[in-house]
Protein backbone atom coordinates (compact mmCIF):
# COMPACT_ATOMS: atom_id res chain seq x y z
CA MET A 1 0.00 0.00 0.00
CA GLU A 2 1.65 3.23 -1.18
CA TRP A 3 -0.80 5.47 0.66
CA GLU A 4 -1.84 5.64 4.29
CA THR A 5 -5.16 7.15 5.36
CA VAL A 6 -5.40 9.22 8.54
CA ILE A 7 -8.86 9.83 10.00
CA GLY A 8 -10.12 11.62 13.07
CA LEU A 9 -13.78 11.89 14.00
CA GLU A 10 -15.67 14.67 15.77
CA ILE A 11 -18.89 13.16 17.07
CA HIS A 12 -21.76 15.25 18.37
CA ALA A 13 -23.94 13.43 20.91
CA GLN A 14 -27.10 15.24 21.99
CA LEU A 15 -27.38 14.87 25.74
CA ALA A 16 -30.63 13.38 27.02
CA THR A 17 -31.65 16.29 29.24
CA ASN A 18 -35.24 17.50 29.45
CA SER A 19 -34.26 21.14 29.01
CA LYS A 20 -31.59 23.00 27.09
CA ILE A 21 -28.06 23.60 28.22
CA PHE A 22 -28.51 27.25 29.25
CA SER A 23 -32.29 27.67 29.49
CA GLY A 24 -35.43 25.91 30.67
CA ALA A 25 -36.81 25.42 27.15
CA SER A 26 -37.78 21.87 26.20
CA THR A 27 -35.54 19.60 24.12
CA ALA A 28 -38.42 17.32 23.03
CA TYR A 29 -38.25 16.34 19.37
CA GLY A 30 -41.01 17.00 16.84
CA ALA A 31 -42.56 20.25 18.06
CA GLN A 32 -43.85 22.83 15.61
CA PRO A 33 -41.00 25.02 14.26
CA ASN A 34 -39.86 27.86 16.51
CA THR A 35 -42.09 26.92 19.44
CA GLN A 36 -39.23 25.77 21.73
CA ALA A 37 -36.76 28.64 21.40
CA CYS A 38 -36.96 31.01 24.35
CA ALA A 39 -35.40 34.43 24.86
CA ILE A 40 -32.19 32.93 26.26
CA ASP A 41 -31.77 30.59 23.27
CA LEU A 42 -32.24 33.56 20.95
CA GLY A 43 -29.77 35.73 22.87
CA LEU A 44 -32.19 38.61 23.28
CA PRO A 45 -30.93 41.72 25.15
CA GLY A 46 -30.88 41.45 28.93
CA VAL A 47 -31.01 37.64 29.22
CA LEU A 48 -28.39 35.55 31.00
CA PRO A 49 -27.60 31.86 30.41
CA VAL A 50 -27.56 29.46 33.38
CA LEU A 51 -25.78 26.11 33.00
CA ASN A 52 -27.91 22.98 33.16
CA CYS A 53 -26.00 20.91 35.75
CA GLU A 54 -27.45 17.68 34.35
CA ALA A 55 -25.52 18.27 31.12
CA ALA A 56 -22.30 18.62 33.14
CA ARG A 57 -23.08 15.42 35.05
CA MET A 58 -23.60 13.52 31.79
CA ALA A 59 -20.30 14.80 30.44
CA VAL A 60 -18.54 13.53 33.57
CA ILE A 61 -20.29 10.16 33.19
CA PHE A 62 -18.87 9.88 29.67
CA GLY A 63 -15.40 10.96 30.75
CA LEU A 64 -15.22 8.35 33.49
CA ALA A 65 -16.50 5.64 31.12
CA VAL A 66 -13.64 6.27 28.66
CA ASP A 67 -11.00 6.53 31.40
CA ALA A 68 -10.48 10.23 30.70
CA GLY A 69 -9.40 13.12 32.84
CA ILE A 70 -12.14 15.31 34.30
CA ALA A 71 -11.23 19.00 34.48
CA ARG A 72 -11.76 20.44 37.95
CA ARG A 73 -12.12 23.81 36.22
CA SER A 74 -13.45 24.22 32.69
CA VAL A 75 -14.48 27.36 30.83
CA PHE A 76 -17.20 28.22 28.36
CA ALA A 77 -16.22 30.32 25.36
CA ARG A 78 -17.96 32.12 22.56
CA LYS A 79 -17.29 30.72 19.10
CA ASN A 80 -18.14 33.56 16.74
CA TYR A 81 -19.51 32.96 13.25
CA PHE A 82 -22.49 34.15 11.27
CA TYR A 83 -25.06 31.78 9.84
CA PRO A 84 -28.86 32.13 9.58
CA ASP A 85 -29.59 29.33 12.05
CA LEU A 86 -27.24 30.73 14.73
CA PRO A 87 -29.45 33.39 16.33
CA LYS A 88 -26.87 34.96 18.67
CA GLY A 89 -24.10 35.26 16.08
CA TYR A 90 -21.97 33.01 18.30
CA GLN A 91 -22.12 29.51 19.75
CA ILE A 92 -21.38 28.87 23.41
CA SER A 93 -18.82 26.07 23.48
CA GLN A 94 -15.62 25.09 25.29
CA TYR A 95 -12.22 25.72 23.75
CA GLU A 96 -8.99 25.81 25.72
CA LEU A 97 -10.32 24.20 28.90
CA PRO A 98 -12.81 21.38 28.07
CA ILE A 99 -14.57 19.34 30.73
CA VAL A 100 -13.16 15.97 29.51
CA HIS A 101 -9.68 15.31 28.15
CA ARG A 102 -7.32 12.42 27.23
CA GLY A 103 -9.57 9.37 27.13
CA GLN A 104 -9.55 6.19 25.08
CA LEU A 105 -11.84 3.60 23.54
CA THR A 106 -10.89 0.08 22.50
CA ILE A 107 -12.41 -1.25 19.28
CA ASP A 108 -12.50 -4.79 17.90
CA LEU A 109 -10.95 -5.31 14.47
CA GLU A 110 -11.43 -8.15 12.00
CA GLY A 111 -9.57 -11.31 12.91
CA GLY A 112 -9.95 -10.82 16.65
CA ALA A 113 -7.42 -7.98 17.04
CA THR A 114 -8.16 -4.85 19.06
CA LYS A 115 -7.05 -1.24 18.72
CA VAL A 116 -7.04 1.62 21.20
CA ILE A 117 -8.36 4.90 19.80
CA GLY A 118 -7.36 8.02 21.68
CA ILE A 119 -10.01 10.59 22.63
CA THR A 120 -8.45 14.04 22.63
CA ARG A 121 -11.31 15.79 24.38
CA ALA A 122 -15.05 15.95 24.93
CA HIS A 123 -16.55 19.35 25.49
CA LEU A 124 -19.97 20.79 26.19
CA GLU A 125 -21.63 23.15 23.75
CA GLU A 126 -25.00 24.30 22.49
CA ASP A 127 -26.49 23.26 19.18
CA ALA A 128 -27.52 25.69 16.48
CA GLY A 129 -30.92 25.80 14.79
CA LYS A 130 -31.77 24.09 11.52
CA SER A 131 -32.11 25.44 7.99
CA LEU A 132 -35.01 23.99 5.98
CA HIS A 133 -34.86 24.03 2.20
CA GLU A 134 -37.35 21.48 0.87
CA ASP A 135 -40.62 23.32 1.53
CA PHE A 136 -39.58 26.76 0.35
CA GLN A 137 -39.21 27.81 -3.27
CA GLY A 138 -36.28 30.12 -3.80
CA SER A 139 -35.69 30.61 -0.10
CA SER A 140 -34.97 28.73 3.13
CA GLY A 141 -36.83 28.43 6.40
CA ILE A 142 -35.18 28.54 9.83
CA ASP A 143 -36.32 26.39 12.75
CA LEU A 144 -34.67 27.45 16.00
CA ASN A 145 -36.13 24.67 18.18
CA ARG A 146 -32.71 22.98 18.35
CA ALA A 147 -30.90 26.19 19.29
CA GLY A 148 -29.45 25.69 22.76
CA THR A 149 -29.85 21.92 22.81
CA PRO A 150 -26.95 20.42 24.84
CA LEU A 151 -24.26 18.61 22.88
CA LEU A 152 -21.18 16.69 23.91
CA GLU A 153 -18.62 16.95 21.12
CA ILE A 154 -16.24 13.98 21.29
CA VAL A 155 -13.00 14.52 19.37
CA SER A 156 -10.81 11.51 18.57
CA GLU A 157 -7.09 11.44 17.94
CA PRO A 158 -6.17 10.86 14.26
CA ASP A 159 -5.71 7.15 15.05
CA LEU A 160 -8.14 5.67 12.51
CA ARG A 161 -6.69 4.23 9.31
CA SER A 162 -9.67 3.17 7.21
CA ALA A 163 -13.35 3.85 6.67
CA LYS A 164 -14.19 0.52 8.32
CA GLU A 165 -12.18 1.41 11.42
CA ALA A 166 -13.95 4.77 11.58
CA VAL A 167 -17.38 3.12 11.43
CA THR A 168 -16.36 0.53 14.04
CA TYR A 169 -15.22 3.31 16.39
CA MET A 170 -18.37 5.34 15.75
CA LYS A 171 -20.61 2.33 16.43
CA LYS A 172 -18.73 1.56 19.65
CA LEU A 173 -19.13 5.15 20.79
CA HIS A 174 -22.82 5.10 19.84
CA GLN A 175 -23.32 1.93 21.87
CA LEU A 176 -21.56 3.49 24.86
CA VAL A 177 -23.48 6.78 25.06
CA VAL A 178 -26.81 4.97 24.70
CA TYR A 179 -25.70 2.36 27.26
CA LEU A 180 -24.81 5.12 29.72
CA GLY A 181 -28.23 6.72 29.22
CA ILE A 182 -26.73 10.11 28.28
CA CYS A 183 -27.92 10.11 24.63
CA ASP A 184 -30.81 8.38 22.86
CA GLY A 185 -28.58 7.78 19.82
CA ASN A 186 -31.35 8.53 17.32
CA MET A 187 -29.38 9.42 14.19
CA GLN A 188 -32.45 10.24 12.10
CA GLU A 189 -33.40 12.95 14.58
CA GLY A 190 -29.85 14.31 14.69
CA SER A 191 -29.09 13.08 18.21
CA PHE A 192 -25.83 11.44 17.10
CA ARG A 193 -23.90 12.75 14.12
CA CYS A 194 -20.35 12.96 12.92
CA ASP A 195 -17.80 15.18 11.20
CA ALA A 196 -14.93 13.22 9.63
CA ASN A 197 -11.45 14.70 9.13
CA VAL A 198 -9.72 12.76 6.33
CA SER A 199 -6.21 13.04 4.91
CA VAL A 200 -3.75 10.78 3.09
CA ARG A 201 0.04 10.53 3.15
CA ARG A 202 2.73 8.35 1.63
CA GLN A 203 3.57 5.25 3.63
CA GLY A 204 6.32 6.05 6.13
CA ASP A 205 5.86 9.81 5.91
CA PRO A 206 5.69 11.17 9.49
CA LYS A 207 4.04 14.38 8.33
CA LEU A 208 0.25 14.46 8.18
CA GLY A 209 -1.39 15.34 4.89
CA THR A 210 -3.79 18.24 4.37
CA ARG A 211 -7.17 17.24 5.72
CA ALA A 212 -10.67 17.82 4.50
CA GLU A 213 -13.57 17.83 6.95
CA ILE A 214 -16.79 16.12 5.89
CA LYS A 215 -19.66 17.64 7.86
CA ASN A 216 -22.90 16.32 9.35
CA LEU A 217 -22.82 12.60 8.56
CA ASN A 218 -25.86 11.03 10.22
CA SER A 219 -25.63 7.34 9.35
CA PHE A 220 -22.93 4.69 9.63
CA ARG A 221 -23.35 3.85 5.95
CA PHE A 222 -22.86 7.47 4.92
CA VAL A 223 -19.74 7.76 7.09
CA GLU A 224 -18.15 4.76 5.40
CA ARG A 225 -19.09 5.81 1.87
CA ALA A 226 -18.10 9.45 2.36
CA ILE A 227 -14.68 8.55 3.75
CA GLU A 228 -14.00 5.98 1.02
CA PHE A 229 -14.90 8.52 -1.67
CA GLU A 230 -12.77 11.20 -0.04
CA ILE A 231 -9.75 8.89 0.20
CA GLU A 232 -9.96 8.08 -3.51
CA ARG A 233 -10.51 11.75 -4.41
CA GLN A 234 -7.44 12.93 -2.49
CA ILE A 235 -5.15 10.20 -3.84
CA GLU A 236 -6.23 10.84 -7.44
CA LEU A 237 -5.80 14.58 -6.94
CA ILE A 238 -2.25 14.25 -5.57
CA GLU A 239 -1.18 11.68 -8.15
CA SER A 240 -2.39 13.94 -10.95
CA GLY A 241 -0.20 16.80 -9.68
CA GLY A 242 -2.80 18.69 -7.65
CA LYS A 243 -2.93 19.63 -3.99
CA VAL A 244 -5.59 18.87 -1.39
CA ALA A 245 -7.21 22.03 -0.08
CA GLN A 246 -8.02 22.33 3.61
CA GLU A 247 -11.75 22.76 3.39
CA THR A 248 -15.15 21.73 4.66
CA ARG A 249 -17.06 19.35 2.42
CA LEU A 250 -20.57 17.88 2.36
CA TYR A 251 -21.50 14.34 1.39
CA ASP A 252 -24.20 13.88 -1.25
CA PRO A 253 -25.67 10.39 -0.71
CA ASP A 254 -27.61 10.51 -3.98
CA GLN A 255 -24.45 11.03 -6.02
CA GLY A 256 -22.19 9.12 -3.62
CA GLU A 257 -19.63 11.94 -3.53
CA THR A 258 -18.32 14.75 -1.36
CA ARG A 259 -18.54 18.37 -2.54
CA SER A 260 -16.73 21.51 -1.43
CA MET A 261 -18.77 23.66 0.96
CA ARG A 262 -16.30 26.32 2.15
CA GLY A 263 -12.67 26.84 3.06
CA LYS A 264 -11.78 25.24 6.39
CA GLU A 265 -11.66 27.75 9.20
CA GLU A 266 -8.89 27.80 11.78
CA ALA A 267 -9.50 28.43 15.47
CA ASN A 268 -8.51 32.09 15.14
CA ASP A 269 -11.24 32.59 12.52
CA TYR A 270 -13.81 32.00 15.24
CA ARG A 271 -12.30 34.59 17.62
CA TYR A 272 -12.80 32.41 20.70
CA PHE A 273 -12.93 34.23 24.03
CA PRO A 274 -14.34 33.27 27.46
CA ASP A 275 -18.07 33.93 27.68
CA PRO A 276 -18.48 36.87 30.07
CA ASP A 277 -21.98 35.71 31.07
CA LEU A 278 -20.86 32.31 32.39
CA LEU A 279 -18.60 31.57 35.35
CA PRO A 280 -15.99 28.81 35.07
CA LEU A 281 -17.43 25.34 35.75
CA LEU A 282 -15.89 24.00 38.96
CA ILE A 283 -16.18 20.29 39.75
CA ASP A 284 -15.01 18.85 43.05
CA GLU A 285 -13.86 15.36 43.99
CA ALA A 286 -17.07 14.57 45.86
CA PHE A 287 -19.16 15.20 42.74
CA ILE A 288 -16.88 12.98 40.61
CA ALA A 289 -17.00 10.23 43.25
CA THR A 290 -20.81 10.37 43.30
CA VAL A 291 -20.97 10.10 39.52
CA ARG A 292 -18.46 7.24 39.50
CA ASP A 293 -20.56 5.32 42.03
CA SER A 294 -23.61 5.72 39.76
CA LEU A 295 -21.94 4.23 36.67
CA PRO A 296 -23.51 1.02 35.33
CA GLU A 297 -21.42 -2.00 34.42
CA LEU A 298 -19.79 -0.95 31.14
CA PRO A 299 -20.28 -2.96 27.91
CA ASP A 300 -16.73 -4.38 27.70
CA ALA A 301 -16.80 -5.46 31.34
CA LYS A 302 -20.24 -7.03 30.92
CA LYS A 303 -19.11 -8.88 27.79
CA GLN A 304 -16.14 -10.36 29.64
CA ARG A 305 -18.36 -11.33 32.58
CA PHE A 306 -20.82 -13.08 30.27
CA ILE A 307 -17.93 -15.10 28.82
CA THR A 308 -16.64 -16.04 32.27
CA GLN A 309 -19.90 -16.46 34.18
CA TYR A 310 -22.07 -18.05 31.51
CA GLY A 311 -19.47 -19.79 29.36
CA LEU A 312 -20.58 -17.91 26.23
CA SER A 313 -18.45 -17.41 23.15
CA SER A 314 -16.95 -13.98 22.54
CA TYR A 315 -19.41 -13.49 19.66
CA ASP A 316 -22.50 -14.39 21.72
CA ALA A 317 -21.38 -12.22 24.62
CA ALA A 318 -20.77 -9.27 22.26
CA VAL A 319 -24.23 -9.58 20.71
CA LEU A 320 -25.97 -9.86 24.09
CA THR A 321 -24.23 -6.75 25.42
CA THR A 322 -24.94 -4.51 22.42
CA SER A 323 -27.48 -2.73 24.60
CA ARG A 324 -28.02 -2.53 28.33
CA ALA A 325 -31.65 -3.63 28.00
CA LEU A 326 -30.75 -6.71 25.93
CA GLY A 327 -28.14 -7.82 28.45
CA ASP A 328 -30.61 -7.33 31.31
CA TYR A 329 -33.29 -9.32 29.44
CA TYR A 330 -30.86 -12.19 28.86
CA GLU A 331 -29.75 -12.34 32.49
CA ALA A 332 -33.34 -12.20 33.71
CA THR A 333 -34.18 -15.16 31.44
CA VAL A 334 -31.24 -17.22 32.74
CA ALA A 335 -32.21 -16.41 36.33
CA ALA A 336 -35.87 -17.33 35.77
CA LEU A 337 -34.91 -20.63 34.13
CA GLY A 338 -32.28 -21.38 36.74
CA GLY A 339 -29.49 -22.09 34.27
CA GLU A 340 -28.95 -23.20 30.66
CA PRO A 341 -27.20 -19.95 29.61
CA LYS A 342 -26.43 -21.17 26.08
CA LEU A 343 -30.03 -22.22 25.44
CA CYS A 344 -31.22 -18.82 26.68
CA ALA A 345 -28.64 -17.04 24.51
CA ASN A 346 -29.76 -18.92 21.40
CA TRP A 347 -33.40 -17.93 21.91
CA VAL A 348 -32.70 -14.29 22.81
CA MET A 349 -30.37 -13.82 19.83
CA GLY A 350 -32.51 -15.96 17.52
CA ASP A 351 -36.29 -16.11 17.68
CA LEU A 352 -36.75 -13.16 20.05
CA SER A 353 -34.47 -10.81 18.10
CA ALA A 354 -35.99 -11.91 14.79
CA LEU A 355 -39.51 -10.97 15.86
CA LEU A 356 -38.31 -7.72 17.44
CA ASN A 357 -36.73 -6.76 14.12
CA LYS A 358 -39.75 -7.88 12.13
CA ASP A 359 -42.14 -5.78 14.25
CA ASN A 360 -39.62 -2.92 14.60
CA ARG A 361 -39.79 -3.14 18.39
CA ASP A 362 -37.22 -2.38 21.04
CA ILE A 363 -36.34 -5.11 23.56
CA ALA A 364 -38.04 -3.00 26.26
CA ASP A 365 -41.31 -3.37 24.31
CA SER A 366 -41.11 -7.16 23.88
CA PRO A 367 -44.55 -8.75 24.41
CA VAL A 368 -42.76 -11.84 25.74
CA SER A 369 -41.18 -11.25 29.16
CA PRO A 370 -38.02 -13.03 30.39
CA ALA A 371 -40.20 -15.10 32.75
CA GLN A 372 -42.44 -16.18 29.86
CA LEU A 373 -39.46 -17.13 27.69
CA ALA A 374 -37.99 -19.08 30.58
CA GLY A 375 -41.32 -20.89 30.99
CA LEU A 376 -41.18 -21.94 27.35
CA LEU A 377 -37.57 -23.13 27.61
CA ARG A 378 -38.48 -25.13 30.69
CA ARG A 379 -40.90 -27.18 28.58
CA ILE A 380 -38.09 -27.92 26.12
CA GLN A 381 -35.92 -29.02 29.03
CA ASP A 382 -38.49 -31.46 30.42
CA ARG A 383 -39.32 -32.76 26.92
CA THR A 384 -42.93 -31.60 27.05
CA ILE A 385 -42.34 -30.07 23.60
CA SER A 386 -39.60 -30.23 21.01
CA GLY A 387 -37.48 -27.29 19.93
CA LYS A 388 -39.41 -27.13 16.66
CA ILE A 389 -42.81 -27.01 18.35
CA ALA A 390 -41.41 -24.44 20.79
CA LYS A 391 -41.06 -22.00 17.90
CA ASP A 392 -44.81 -22.22 17.26
CA VAL A 393 -45.53 -21.76 20.96
CA PHE A 394 -43.22 -18.73 21.05
CA GLU A 395 -45.13 -17.08 18.21
CA ALA A 396 -48.37 -17.72 20.12
CA LEU A 397 -46.82 -16.13 23.23
CA TRP A 398 -45.80 -13.17 21.09
CA ALA A 399 -49.36 -12.83 19.79
CA GLY A 400 -50.68 -12.75 23.36
CA GLU A 401 -52.49 -16.10 23.27
CA GLY A 402 -51.74 -16.89 26.91
CA GLU A 403 -49.02 -18.67 28.84
CA THR A 404 -46.91 -21.56 27.57
CA ASP A 405 -48.70 -24.43 29.35
CA ALA A 406 -52.13 -23.17 28.30
CA ILE A 407 -51.03 -22.86 24.65
CA ILE A 408 -49.54 -26.37 24.65
CA GLU A 409 -52.67 -27.85 26.20
CA ARG A 410 -55.11 -25.99 23.97
CA ARG A 411 -53.27 -26.89 20.78
CA GLY A 412 -52.44 -30.45 21.80
CA LEU A 413 -48.72 -29.95 21.29
CA LYS A 414 -47.29 -32.24 23.95
CA GLN A 415 -44.33 -34.20 22.68
CA ILE A 416 -44.68 -37.95 22.19
CA THR A 417 -42.04 -39.62 24.33
CA ASP A 418 -43.65 -43.05 24.62
CA THR A 419 -41.17 -45.40 22.94
CA SER A 420 -43.78 -47.90 21.76
CA ALA A 421 -45.89 -45.14 20.17
CA ILE A 422 -42.86 -43.73 18.36
CA GLU A 423 -41.79 -47.19 17.13
CA GLN A 424 -45.30 -47.83 15.81
CA VAL A 425 -45.08 -44.67 13.70
CA ILE A 426 -41.61 -45.70 12.49
CA ASP A 427 -42.85 -49.14 11.49
CA GLU A 428 -45.67 -47.57 9.48
CA VAL A 429 -43.29 -45.20 7.70
CA ILE A 430 -40.82 -47.98 6.85
CA ALA A 431 -43.61 -50.19 5.53
CA ALA A 432 -44.91 -47.35 3.34
CA ASN A 433 -41.49 -46.68 1.76
CA PRO A 434 -39.95 -50.03 0.68
CA GLU A 435 -38.00 -48.52 -2.22
CA GLN A 436 -36.25 -45.94 -0.04
CA LEU A 437 -35.60 -48.64 2.57
CA ALA A 438 -33.82 -50.81 -0.01
CA GLN A 439 -31.73 -47.86 -1.22
CA TYR A 440 -30.75 -46.95 2.35
CA ARG A 441 -29.69 -50.48 3.16
CA ALA A 442 -27.74 -50.53 -0.10
CA GLY A 443 -25.59 -47.69 1.21
CA LYS A 444 -27.49 -44.47 0.43
CA ASP A 445 -27.07 -43.05 3.94
CA LYS A 446 -28.54 -39.64 3.05
CA LEU A 447 -32.00 -41.22 3.03
CA PHE A 448 -31.88 -41.34 6.82
CA ALA A 449 -32.99 -37.70 6.85
CA PHE A 450 -35.91 -38.65 4.59
CA PHE A 451 -37.16 -41.22 7.09
CA VAL A 452 -36.75 -38.79 10.00
CA GLY A 453 -38.80 -36.24 8.10
CA GLN A 454 -41.55 -38.76 7.31
CA VAL A 455 -41.78 -39.86 10.95
CA MET A 456 -41.98 -36.27 12.19
CA LYS A 457 -44.60 -35.51 9.57
CA ALA A 458 -46.67 -38.56 10.53
CA SER A 459 -46.49 -37.59 14.21
CA LYS A 460 -47.35 -33.96 13.37
CA GLY A 461 -43.99 -32.89 14.78
CA LYS A 462 -44.76 -34.25 18.23
CA ALA A 463 -42.35 -37.21 18.33
CA ASN A 464 -39.23 -36.66 20.40
CA PRO A 465 -36.47 -36.10 17.79
CA GLN A 466 -33.75 -37.83 19.79
CA GLN A 467 -35.86 -40.94 20.32
CA VAL A 468 -36.86 -40.93 16.64
CA ASN A 469 -33.21 -40.88 15.58
CA GLU A 470 -32.23 -43.66 17.96
CA SER A 471 -35.14 -45.95 17.08
CA LEU A 472 -34.87 -45.30 13.34
CA GLU A 473 -31.17 -46.07 13.30
CA ARG A 474 -31.82 -49.39 15.01
CA LYS A 475 -34.79 -50.41 12.89
CA LEU A 476 -33.33 -49.44 9.53
CA LYS A 477 -30.33 -51.70 10.10
CA ASN A 478 -32.51 -54.78 10.81
């Protein structure tokens, strides 16, 4: 590889507070335009911002979760620029003294390797409004409902070396902020979005190339495609004798390309200075200790515990800890059943997840509770029903048709475990298929599956599969 890609991500996570970062206005999504922007958000004369302490607490939660330093003193600054959706003419952010600094996040790479990605800083800031173009001919509308919404901007080190690594890091960060309960992670609503800084350099060159920043990427797919396009664009440009301009670019998903938006500003272009209306944010050790005590078990720690405690594979443990609610559901199922962690894992990752996806439901909205799922698995354990019949019972549970035992009784689904009854069915199947019997005994072993299928069909799926296999194997050899 002649070229090396260098990528750093700036991720904006909207903090899950009920009110804005410097005012009491609501942060609820979906309100009519310009109905949730108060005088403070608009920066009208005579108003003063007051910091929402919940936003600061959530920033500290994140910092502790990524093993970062928490500033005992951080400062809010004014970032000055002029854009129609920025009502004050400046954005309140943090510049020289952010609340979180020097953290890290470990990501899993293909082939089982891991990589530590440095987090330079995470700082608090307010969001701007939103420009609307679709519904206005020849002009744009401005919705200021988002103005003042609290954001945590998480800036990575330039440690990422491919579009896939960038997406893996972004997904891991998305999982973490949702897991911590500090962000809902809804990318369609703008709660989690990304700016990607991309540059290329010759292999072995210690000097970083000129970077382009791709703004406002709001899906994992767009992040990957935008970065891949930008890498190719920069390499082709350099190899044809051109130079990469330091600029801000936008990604056009319809065309699958990035386009120049404006020249990239430097920090001095924004004329940062401490906001005179806001005192420095002071955080003491007692506050940090209280927040640390409130932290949930983190995803990586939970994954390792699932491997150790339940004997799960690394893959199964990773899937079951993708969300806090999913991990809790799994553990509640194991506890209700009293064991069988692998059986529980298979059903949670398989049938349960499939129906959740099909109905577009979250695990918290599952119509089948952990106790109900455990009740179903208990009937597989005691051979009341087979695994195949259990799938039908599970769908009935999902549809709200009652509890497991009632469904089994009403539908007559109890498994046949009586050996003589099973052997009678086998004898009838063998007698009805003399040609296949002769072929099997002549060495066509694959026909065994045919006989199993015929027996299960004749018993309407109720015959115990293990007993069917054992009896069939014995009878077909005689």
